[in-house]
Every structure is written in C-alpha cells, then in structure tokens.
Amino acid sequence: MILTFFDQFSTTYLLGIPLILLSMLLPTLLLPTPNNRWITNRLSTLQLWTINTITKQLMTPLNKPGHKWALILTSLMMLLLMTNLLGLLPYTFTPTTQLSMNMALAFPLWLATLLTGLRNQPTTSLGHLLPEGTPTPLIPALIMIETISLFIRPLALGVRLTANLTAGHLLIQLISTATITLLPIMPTVSILTAAILLLLTILEVAVAMIQAYVFVLLLSLYLQENI
C-alpha cells in the first residue's frame, strides 16, 4: 500500500466508527474538574490562570450584553487550543484539519450572532449592508457585495483554520522525511534539516495557538457588530 502525504488527514475508523469524535473529546480530559479544592497543584493553577486570561481578552471588545457569551467563546477557545496542540504530537490525528469540523463550529456560531442582531436591533444589523453616504447608482451593487461578504464569513473562518494547520503539518512531514532520507547520504545536511525542523515545530506551536485565538476573536467581533 502506497501512502501519500495527505493520508495523515484521513479520518481513522475502528469497526466502521469514525474516531474523530473520540479525538475531540480527549482534550476535555485535560481541563480541571470542579472539586472542594480548586487550586490543587501548579498545573491546575496554570490552567485556571490561562482560562481567566483568555476570557478577559475575548470579553474586552464586547459590551455587557455580550458577556453572556463568555462561557461559549472560552470553551470553544480551549477546545481549539488543546486540539491544535495535541495534534502536533507524533502519531496523533488533528480534527481541526478537517474542513467539515471547522465549518460545523463556525457556521452555527456565526448564524447565532447574525440572528441575535436581527432580533435585537434589525435596523442597525441591516444597516451594515449599506455604508453611509453611498451614491444612489451604487446602492444595488454595494448591497449585493456586502451580502456576499456577510455570508462568506463562516467559510473564511473554517478555511483559514484548516489551511493554516494543514500547511503546517505538511511542512513538518516533508522536512522530517527529508531529514531521515538524507541521514545516510549527507549527515551534515541532515543535521541542518533537523535544526530547521525543530524551528518549524516551534513555529507550528505558535500557529496552533494563534489560529485558535483568531477563530474565536473574529466570532466575538461578529458578535460585537450585532449587539
């Protein structure tokens, strides 16, 4: 059986059951569980500090009505963050490289922000489709363009996350394959390639964290427009 570089993004199955659901649930086991003594060790303290910092950063652009979304946005941020980071470990599967999963996260939340705006302030929400001071002949074209840009937002969210993580995983696999192949032929070049691989892995850790933050931050900005 000939494997390709893209086989790592194929969903694995066990007895006909897709294991992507299991890989999505495993990161939740790393979260601290409520008990009589929350701060039990340094790891729990670090996790709680991280969650608190993320919540503050996400809620800063929002006004008071938007703080009702704090639990949803923070939970989504932690899920994406841990899923992206765990996917960088060897012999693991990254669910966020699947466009279907990212769209399943982006579309319902984007639709919820849109419906919230249409329910609470329909005039202001529809006013975003037409910039103020637009010349009369350009009104139909601008409304069409703004409508398309509005409906393309969830697709942009999902594609951005998928493309960045997929590209990073492919680069890591390509460079690691080159390192192993060049080792018996040109050891010096292989060591240099391994150093590049180490730097790329550090970069991918940063990309995994940044992309999770950008995904949730854009959702919070969409929410701010509609509340």
C-alpha atoms as a PDB file:
ATOM      1  CA  MET A   1       0.000   0.000   0.000  1.00  0.00           C
ATOM      2  CA  ILE A   2       1.457   3.340  -1.111  1.00  0.00           C
ATOM      3  CA  LEU A   3       0.870   6.174   1.344  1.00  0.00           C
ATOM      4  CA  THR A   4       0.800   9.847   0.422  1.00  0.00           C
ATOM      5  CA  PHE A   5       1.471  12.947   2.456  1.00  0.00           C
ATOM      6  CA  PHE A   6      -2.260  13.629   2.674  1.00  0.00           C
ATOM      7  CA  ASP A   7      -3.093  10.296   4.302  1.00  0.00           C
ATOM      8  CA  GLN A   8      -2.383  11.826   7.696  1.00  0.00           C
ATOM      9  CA  PHE A   9      -5.517  13.966   7.276  1.00  0.00           C
ATOM     10  CA  SER A  10      -7.809  10.989   6.643  1.00  0.00           C
ATOM     11  CA  THR A  11     -10.244  10.217   9.437  1.00  0.00           C
ATOM     12  CA  THR A  12      -9.399   6.918  11.084  1.00  0.00           C
ATOM     13  CA  TYR A  13     -12.093   4.287  11.662  1.00  0.00           C
ATOM     14  CA  LEU A  14     -12.462   1.464  14.162  1.00  0.00           C
ATOM     15  CA  LEU A  15     -15.120  -1.142  13.352  1.00  0.00           C
ATOM     16  CA  GLY A  16     -16.693   1.363  10.977  1.00  0.00           C
ATOM     17  CA  ILE A  17     -16.911   4.078  13.658  1.00  0.00           C
ATOM     18  CA  PRO A  18     -15.060   7.358  12.958  1.00  0.00           C
ATOM     19  CA  LEU A  19     -12.593   8.132  15.724  1.00  0.00           C
ATOM     20  CA  ILE A  20     -12.724  11.881  15.116  1.00  0.00           C
ATOM     21  CA  LEU A  21     -15.359  12.170  17.864  1.00  0.00           C
ATOM     22  CA  LEU A  22     -13.022  10.456  20.320  1.00  0.00           C
ATOM     23  CA  SER A  23     -10.138  12.746  19.363  1.00  0.00           C
ATOM     24  CA  MET A  24     -12.402  15.748  20.004  1.00  0.00           C
ATOM     25  CA  LEU A  25     -13.467  14.510  23.440  1.00  0.00           C
ATOM     26  CA  LEU A  26      -9.995  13.594  24.720  1.00  0.00           C
ATOM     27  CA  PRO A  27      -8.796  17.230  25.120  1.00  0.00           C
ATOM     28  CA  THR A  28     -11.625  17.846  27.605  1.00  0.00           C
ATOM     29  CA  LEU A  29      -9.974  15.361  29.976  1.00  0.00           C
ATOM     30  CA  LEU A  30      -7.112  17.826  30.418  1.00  0.00           C
ATOM     31  CA  LEU A  31      -9.390  20.506  31.867  1.00  0.00           C
ATOM     32  CA  PRO A  32      -9.540  20.890  35.659  1.00  0.00           C
ATOM     33  CA  THR A  33     -12.600  19.300  37.234  1.00  0.00           C
ATOM     34  CA  PRO A  34     -14.561  21.111  39.962  1.00  0.00           C
ATOM     35  CA  ASN A  35     -13.871  19.840  43.466  1.00  0.00           C
ATOM     36  CA  ASN A  36     -13.744  21.112  47.011  1.00  0.00           C
ATOM     37  CA  ARG A  37     -10.252  22.449  46.453  1.00  0.00           C
ATOM     38  CA  TRP A  38      -9.808  24.068  43.067  1.00  0.00           C
ATOM     39  CA  ILE A  39      -6.136  25.017  43.336  1.00  0.00           C
ATOM     40  CA  THR A  40      -4.603  21.613  43.970  1.00  0.00           C
ATOM     41  CA  ASN A  41      -1.268  21.917  42.186  1.00  0.00           C
ATOM     42  CA  ARG A  42       0.732  24.150  39.870  1.00  0.00           C
ATOM     43  CA  LEU A  43      -0.835  22.636  36.743  1.00  0.00           C
ATOM     44  CA  SER A  44      -4.378  23.429  37.892  1.00  0.00           C
ATOM     45  CA  THR A  45      -3.278  26.936  38.842  1.00  0.00           C
ATOM     46  CA  LEU A  46      -1.722  27.442  35.398  1.00  0.00           C
ATOM     47  CA  GLN A  47      -4.839  26.135  33.652  1.00  0.00           C
ATOM     48  CA  LEU A  48      -7.158  28.392  35.635  1.00  0.00           C
ATOM     49  CA  TRP A  49      -4.904  31.394  35.027  1.00  0.00           C
ATOM     50  CA  THR A  50      -4.897  30.630  31.276  1.00  0.00           C
ATOM     51  CA  ILE A  51      -8.691  30.322  31.156  1.00  0.00           C
ATOM     52  CA  ASN A  52      -9.091  33.573  33.105  1.00  0.00           C
ATOM     53  CA  THR A  53      -6.682  35.435  30.803  1.00  0.00           C
ATOM     54  CA  ILE A  54      -8.383  34.131  27.659  1.00  0.00           C
ATOM     55  CA  THR A  55     -11.804  35.137  28.982  1.00  0.00           C
ATOM     56  CA  LYS A  56     -10.603  38.667  29.728  1.00  0.00           C
ATOM     57  CA  GLN A  57      -9.065  39.052  26.274  1.00  0.00           C
ATOM     58  CA  LEU A  58     -12.193  37.821  24.498  1.00  0.00           C
ATOM     59  CA  MET A  59     -14.618  39.899  26.560  1.00  0.00           C
ATOM     60  CA  THR A  60     -12.674  43.178  26.282  1.00  0.00           C
ATOM     61  CA  PRO A  61     -14.151  44.235  22.882  1.00  0.00           C
ATOM     62  CA  LEU A  62     -17.698  43.258  23.939  1.00  0.00           C
ATOM     63  CA  ASN A  63     -20.192  45.344  25.858  1.00  0.00           C
ATOM     64  CA  LYS A  64     -22.144  43.987  28.814  1.00  0.00           C
ATOM     65  CA  PRO A  65     -24.846  42.061  26.856  1.00  0.00           C
ATOM     66  CA  GLY A  66     -22.096  40.205  25.010  1.00  0.00           C
ATOM     67  CA  HIS A  67     -20.672  38.845  28.267  1.00  0.00           C
ATOM     68  CA  LYS A  68     -23.424  36.205  28.198  1.00  0.00           C
ATOM     69  CA  TRP A  69     -21.342  34.513  25.501  1.00  0.00           C
ATOM     70  CA  ALA A  70     -18.281  34.232  27.734  1.00  0.00           C
ATOM     71  CA  LEU A  71     -18.770  30.534  28.520  1.00  0.00           C
ATOM     72  CA  ILE A  72     -19.340  29.551  24.879  1.00  0.00           C
ATOM     73  CA  LEU A  73     -16.409  31.525  23.487  1.00  0.00           C
ATOM     74  CA  THR A  74     -13.976  30.483  26.233  1.00  0.00           C
ATOM     75  CA  SER A  75     -14.957  26.816  25.911  1.00  0.00           C
ATOM     76  CA  LEU A  76     -14.502  26.981  22.131  1.00  0.00           C
ATOM     77  CA  MET A  77     -11.116  28.646  22.573  1.00  0.00           C
ATOM     78  CA  MET A  78      -9.894  25.960  24.976  1.00  0.00           C
ATOM     79  CA  LEU A  79     -11.217  23.164  22.720  1.00  0.00           C
ATOM     80  CA  LEU A  80      -9.455  24.532  19.633  1.00  0.00           C
ATOM     81  CA  LEU A  81      -6.283  25.328  21.551  1.00  0.00           C
ATOM     82  CA  MET A  82      -5.887  21.864  23.059  1.00  0.00           C
ATOM     83  CA  THR A  83      -6.952  20.082  19.869  1.00  0.00           C
ATOM     84  CA  ASN A  84      -4.424  22.016  17.780  1.00  0.00           C
ATOM     85  CA  LEU A  85      -1.580  21.480  20.259  1.00  0.00           C
ATOM     86  CA  LEU A  86      -2.295  17.777  20.819  1.00  0.00           C
ATOM     87  CA  GLY A  87      -2.379  17.303  17.045  1.00  0.00           C
ATOM     88  CA  LEU A  88       1.315  18.228  16.885  1.00  0.00           C
ATOM     89  CA  LEU A  89       2.281  15.147  18.885  1.00  0.00           C
ATOM     90  CA  PRO A  90       3.580  12.155  16.886  1.00  0.00           C
ATOM     91  CA  TYR A  91       1.064   9.516  15.768  1.00  0.00           C
ATOM     92  CA  THR A  92      -1.936  11.700  16.561  1.00  0.00           C
ATOM     93  CA  PHE A  93      -4.843  12.947  14.468  1.00  0.00           C
ATOM     94  CA  THR A  94      -5.812  16.619  14.319  1.00  0.00           C
ATOM     95  CA  PRO A  95      -9.596  17.063  13.914  1.00  0.00           C
ATOM     96  CA  THR A  96      -9.196  20.758  13.088  1.00  0.00           C
ATOM     97  CA  THR A  97      -7.513  19.867   9.784  1.00  0.00           C
ATOM     98  CA  GLN A  98     -10.955  18.716   8.627  1.00  0.00           C
ATOM     99  CA  LEU A  99     -12.927  21.473   6.901  1.00  0.00           C
ATOM    100  CA  SER A 100     -16.199  19.760   7.809  1.00  0.00           C
ATOM    101  CA  MET A 101     -15.479  20.051  11.529  1.00  0.00           C
ATOM    102  CA  ASN A 102     -14.346  23.669  11.323  1.00  0.00           C
ATOM    103  CA  MET A 103     -17.428  24.602   9.333  1.00  0.00           C
ATOM    104  CA  ALA A 104     -19.594  22.778  11.864  1.00  0.00           C
ATOM    105  CA  LEU A 105     -18.107  25.041  14.540  1.00  0.00           C
ATOM    106  CA  ALA A 106     -18.073  28.277  12.536  1.00  0.00           C
ATOM    107  CA  PHE A 107     -21.448  28.257  10.784  1.00  0.00           C
ATOM    108  CA  PRO A 108     -23.817  27.765  13.774  1.00  0.00           C
ATOM    109  CA  LEU A 109     -21.986  30.337  15.920  1.00  0.00           C
ATOM    110  CA  TRP A 110     -21.878  32.876  13.076  1.00  0.00           C
ATOM    111  CA  LEU A 111     -25.580  32.282  12.418  1.00  0.00           C
ATOM    112  CA  ALA A 112     -26.324  32.751  16.126  1.00  0.00           C
ATOM    113  CA  THR A 113     -24.568  36.140  16.136  1.00  0.00           C
ATOM    114  CA  LEU A 114     -26.448  37.176  12.985  1.00  0.00           C
ATOM    115  CA  LEU A 115     -29.843  36.139  14.348  1.00  0.00           C
ATOM    116  CA  THR A 116     -29.083  37.885  17.637  1.00  0.00           C
ATOM    117  CA  GLY A 117     -28.520  41.134  15.770  1.00  0.00           C
ATOM    118  CA  LEU A 118     -31.631  40.733  13.611  1.00  0.00           C
ATOM    119  CA  ARG A 119     -33.738  40.098  16.700  1.00  0.00           C
ATOM    120  CA  ASN A 120     -32.368  42.817  18.983  1.00  0.00           C
ATOM    121  CA  GLN A 121     -31.542  45.612  16.532  1.00  0.00           C
ATOM    122  CA  PRO A 122     -32.699  44.751  12.992  1.00  0.00           C
ATOM    123  CA  THR A 123     -32.241  48.277  11.628  1.00  0.00           C
ATOM    124  CA  THR A 124     -28.602  48.523  12.714  1.00  0.00           C
ATOM    125  CA  SER A 125     -27.790  44.998  11.546  1.00  0.00           C
ATOM    126  CA  LEU A 126     -29.257  45.587   8.108  1.00  0.00           C
ATOM    127  CA  GLY A 127     -27.574  48.988   8.003  1.00  0.00           C
ATOM    128  CA  HIS A 128     -24.191  47.254   7.762  1.00  0.00           C
ATOM    129  CA  LEU A 129     -25.153  46.174   4.252  1.00  0.00           C
ATOM    130  CA  LEU A 130     -25.139  49.772   3.004  1.00  0.00           C
ATOM    131  CA  PRO A 131     -22.345  52.190   4.019  1.00  0.00           C
ATOM    132  CA  GLU A 132     -23.428  55.718   4.832  1.00  0.00           C
ATOM    133  CA  GLY A 133     -23.124  58.269   2.036  1.00  0.00           C
ATOM    134  CA  THR A 134     -23.219  55.718  -0.796  1.00  0.00           C
ATOM    135  CA  PRO A 135     -24.154  57.227  -4.209  1.00  0.00           C
ATOM    136  CA  THR A 136     -27.583  56.120  -5.397  1.00  0.00           C
ATOM    137  CA  PRO A 137     -26.417  54.278  -8.569  1.00  0.00           C
ATOM    138  CA  LEU A 138     -24.037  52.118  -6.472  1.00  0.00           C
ATOM    139  CA  ILE A 139     -26.600  51.079  -3.856  1.00  0.00           C
ATOM    140  CA  PRO A 140     -27.740  47.778  -5.522  1.00  0.00           C
ATOM    141  CA  ALA A 141     -24.167  46.684  -6.255  1.00  0.00           C
ATOM    142  CA  LEU A 142     -22.914  47.524  -2.750  1.00  0.00           C
ATOM    143  CA  ILE A 143     -25.810  45.719  -1.088  1.00  0.00           C
ATOM    144  CA  MET A 144     -25.032  42.620  -3.161  1.00  0.00           C
ATOM    145  CA  ILE A 145     -21.294  42.816  -2.368  1.00  0.00           C
ATOM    146  CA  GLU A 146     -21.875  43.336   1.361  1.00  0.00           C
ATOM    147  CA  THR A 147     -24.366  40.468   1.449  1.00  0.00           C
ATOM    148  CA  ILE A 148     -21.871  38.129  -0.206  1.00  0.00           C
ATOM    149  CA  SER A 149     -19.126  39.231   2.199  1.00  0.00           C
ATOM    150  CA  LEU A 150     -21.503  38.630   5.114  1.00  0.00           C
ATOM    151  CA  PHE A 151     -22.360  35.086   4.061  1.00  0.00           C
ATOM    152  CA  ILE A 152     -18.741  34.226   3.260  1.00  0.00           C
ATOM    153  CA  ARG A 153     -17.618  34.890   6.845  1.00  0.00           C
ATOM    154  CA  PRO A 154     -18.181  31.355   8.206  1.00  0.00           C
ATOM    155  CA  LEU A 155     -16.463  29.871   5.154  1.00  0.00           C
ATOM    156  CA  ALA A 156     -13.478  32.157   5.731  1.00  0.00           C
ATOM    157  CA  LEU A 157     -13.321  31.105   9.390  1.00  0.00           C
ATOM    158  CA  GLY A 158     -13.300  27.407   8.563  1.00  0.00           C
ATOM    159  CA  VAL A 159     -10.952  27.613   5.580  1.00  0.00           C
ATOM    160  CA  ARG A 160      -8.435  29.818   7.443  1.00  0.00           C
ATOM    161  CA  LEU A 161      -8.101  27.362  10.318  1.00  0.00           C
ATOM    162  CA  THR A 162      -7.992  24.319   8.037  1.00  0.00           C
ATOM    163  CA  ALA A 163      -5.451  25.782   5.603  1.00  0.00           C
ATOM    164  CA  ASN A 164      -3.017  27.002   8.248  1.00  0.00           C
ATOM    165  CA  LEU A 165      -2.960  23.735  10.186  1.00  0.00           C
ATOM    166  CA  THR A 166      -2.849  21.572   7.056  1.00  0.00           C
ATOM    167  CA  ALA A 167       0.056  23.558   5.603  1.00  0.00           C
ATOM    168  CA  GLY A 168       1.994  23.309   8.862  1.00  0.00           C
ATOM    169  CA  HIS A 169       1.520  19.563   9.151  1.00  0.00           C
ATOM    170  CA  LEU A 170       2.564  19.049   5.537  1.00  0.00           C
ATOM    171  CA  LEU A 171       5.729  21.113   6.016  1.00  0.00           C
ATOM    172  CA  ILE A 172       6.660  19.160   9.129  1.00  0.00           C
ATOM    173  CA  GLN A 173       6.153  15.844   7.340  1.00  0.00           C
ATOM    174  CA  LEU A 174       8.098  16.949   4.259  1.00  0.00           C
ATOM    175  CA  ILE A 175      11.089  18.208   6.243  1.00  0.00           C
ATOM    176  CA  SER A 176      11.096  15.202   8.586  1.00  0.00           C
ATOM    177  CA  THR A 177      11.027  12.851   5.570  1.00  0.00           C
ATOM    178  CA  ALA A 178      13.928  14.765   4.028  1.00  0.00           C
ATOM    179  CA  THR A 179      15.869  14.562   7.315  1.00  0.00           C
ATOM    180  CA  ILE A 180      15.531  10.773   7.516  1.00  0.00           C
ATOM    181  CA  THR A 181      16.299  10.304   3.800  1.00  0.00           C
ATOM    182  CA  LEU A 182      19.440  12.470   3.865  1.00  0.00           C
ATOM    183  CA  LEU A 183      20.853  10.972   7.079  1.00  0.00           C
ATOM    184  CA  PRO A 184      22.804   8.056   5.494  1.00  0.00           C
ATOM    185  CA  ILE A 185      23.758  10.080   2.404  1.00  0.00           C
ATOM    186  CA  MET A 186      24.653  13.554   3.709  1.00  0.00           C
ATOM    187  CA  PRO A 187      24.730  13.606   7.511  1.00  0.00           C
ATOM    188  CA  THR A 188      25.705  17.279   7.700  1.00  0.00           C
ATOM    189  CA  VAL A 189      22.781  18.394   5.576  1.00  0.00           C
ATOM    190  CA  SER A 190      20.528  16.075   7.556  1.00  0.00           C
ATOM    191  CA  ILE A 191      21.552  17.731  10.835  1.00  0.00           C
ATOM    192  CA  LEU A 192      20.889  21.155   9.335  1.00  0.00           C
ATOM    193  CA  THR A 193      17.480  19.969   8.150  1.00  0.00           C
ATOM    194  CA  ALA A 194      16.732  18.617  11.634  1.00  0.00           C
ATOM    195  CA  ALA A 195      17.520  22.053  13.090  1.00  0.00           C
ATOM    196  CA  ILE A 196      15.110  23.628  10.612  1.00  0.00           C
ATOM    197  CA  LEU A 197      12.524  21.014  11.612  1.00  0.00           C
ATOM    198  CA  LEU A 198      12.909  21.976  15.277  1.00  0.00           C
ATOM    199  CA  LEU A 199      12.402  25.654  14.486  1.00  0.00           C
ATOM    200  CA  LEU A 200       9.401  24.828  12.308  1.00  0.00           C
ATOM    201  CA  THR A 201       7.853  22.780  15.106  1.00  0.00           C
ATOM    202  CA  ILE A 202       8.193  25.722  17.492  1.00  0.00           C
ATOM    203  CA  LEU A 203       6.594  27.930  14.848  1.00  0.00           C
ATOM    204  CA  GLU A 204       3.723  25.473  14.428  1.00  0.00           C
ATOM    205  CA  VAL A 205       3.060  25.529  18.176  1.00  0.00           C
ATOM    206  CA  ALA A 206       2.704  29.301  17.914  1.00  0.00           C
ATOM    207  CA  VAL A 207       0.500  28.978  14.813  1.00  0.00           C
ATOM    208  CA  ALA A 208      -1.766  26.466  16.580  1.00  0.00           C
ATOM    209  CA  MET A 209      -2.282  28.888  19.465  1.00  0.00           C
ATOM    210  CA  ILE A 210      -2.704  31.962  17.260  1.00  0.00           C
ATOM    211  CA  GLN A 211      -5.217  30.321  14.918  1.00  0.00           C
ATOM    212  CA  ALA A 212      -7.391  29.171  17.811  1.00  0.00           C
ATOM    213  CA  TYR A 213      -7.339  32.705  19.210  1.00  0.00           C
ATOM    214  CA  VAL A 214      -8.066  34.328  15.824  1.00  0.00           C
ATOM    215  CA  PHE A 215     -11.012  31.968  15.202  1.00  0.00           C
ATOM    216  CA  VAL A 216     -12.717  32.886  18.473  1.00  0.00           C
ATOM    217  CA  LEU A 217     -11.706  36.564  18.318  1.00  0.00           C
ATOM    218  CA  LEU A 218     -13.361  37.005  14.928  1.00  0.00           C
ATOM    219  CA  LEU A 219     -16.524  35.392  16.276  1.00  0.00           C
ATOM    220  CA  SER A 220     -16.504  37.846  19.177  1.00  0.00           C
ATOM    221  CA  LEU A 221     -16.083  40.746  16.739  1.00  0.00           C
ATOM    222  CA  TYR A 222     -19.014  39.477  14.669  1.00  0.00           C
ATOM    223  CA  LEU A 223     -20.994  39.330  17.893  1.00  0.00           C
ATOM    224  CA  GLN A 224     -19.998  42.892  18.790  1.00  0.00           C
ATOM    225  CA  GLU A 225     -21.443  44.116  15.491  1.00  0.00           C
ATOM    226  CA  ASN A 226     -24.840  42.638  16.346  1.00  0.00           C
ATOM    227  CA  ILE A 227     -25.328  43.582  19.991  1.00  0.00           C
END
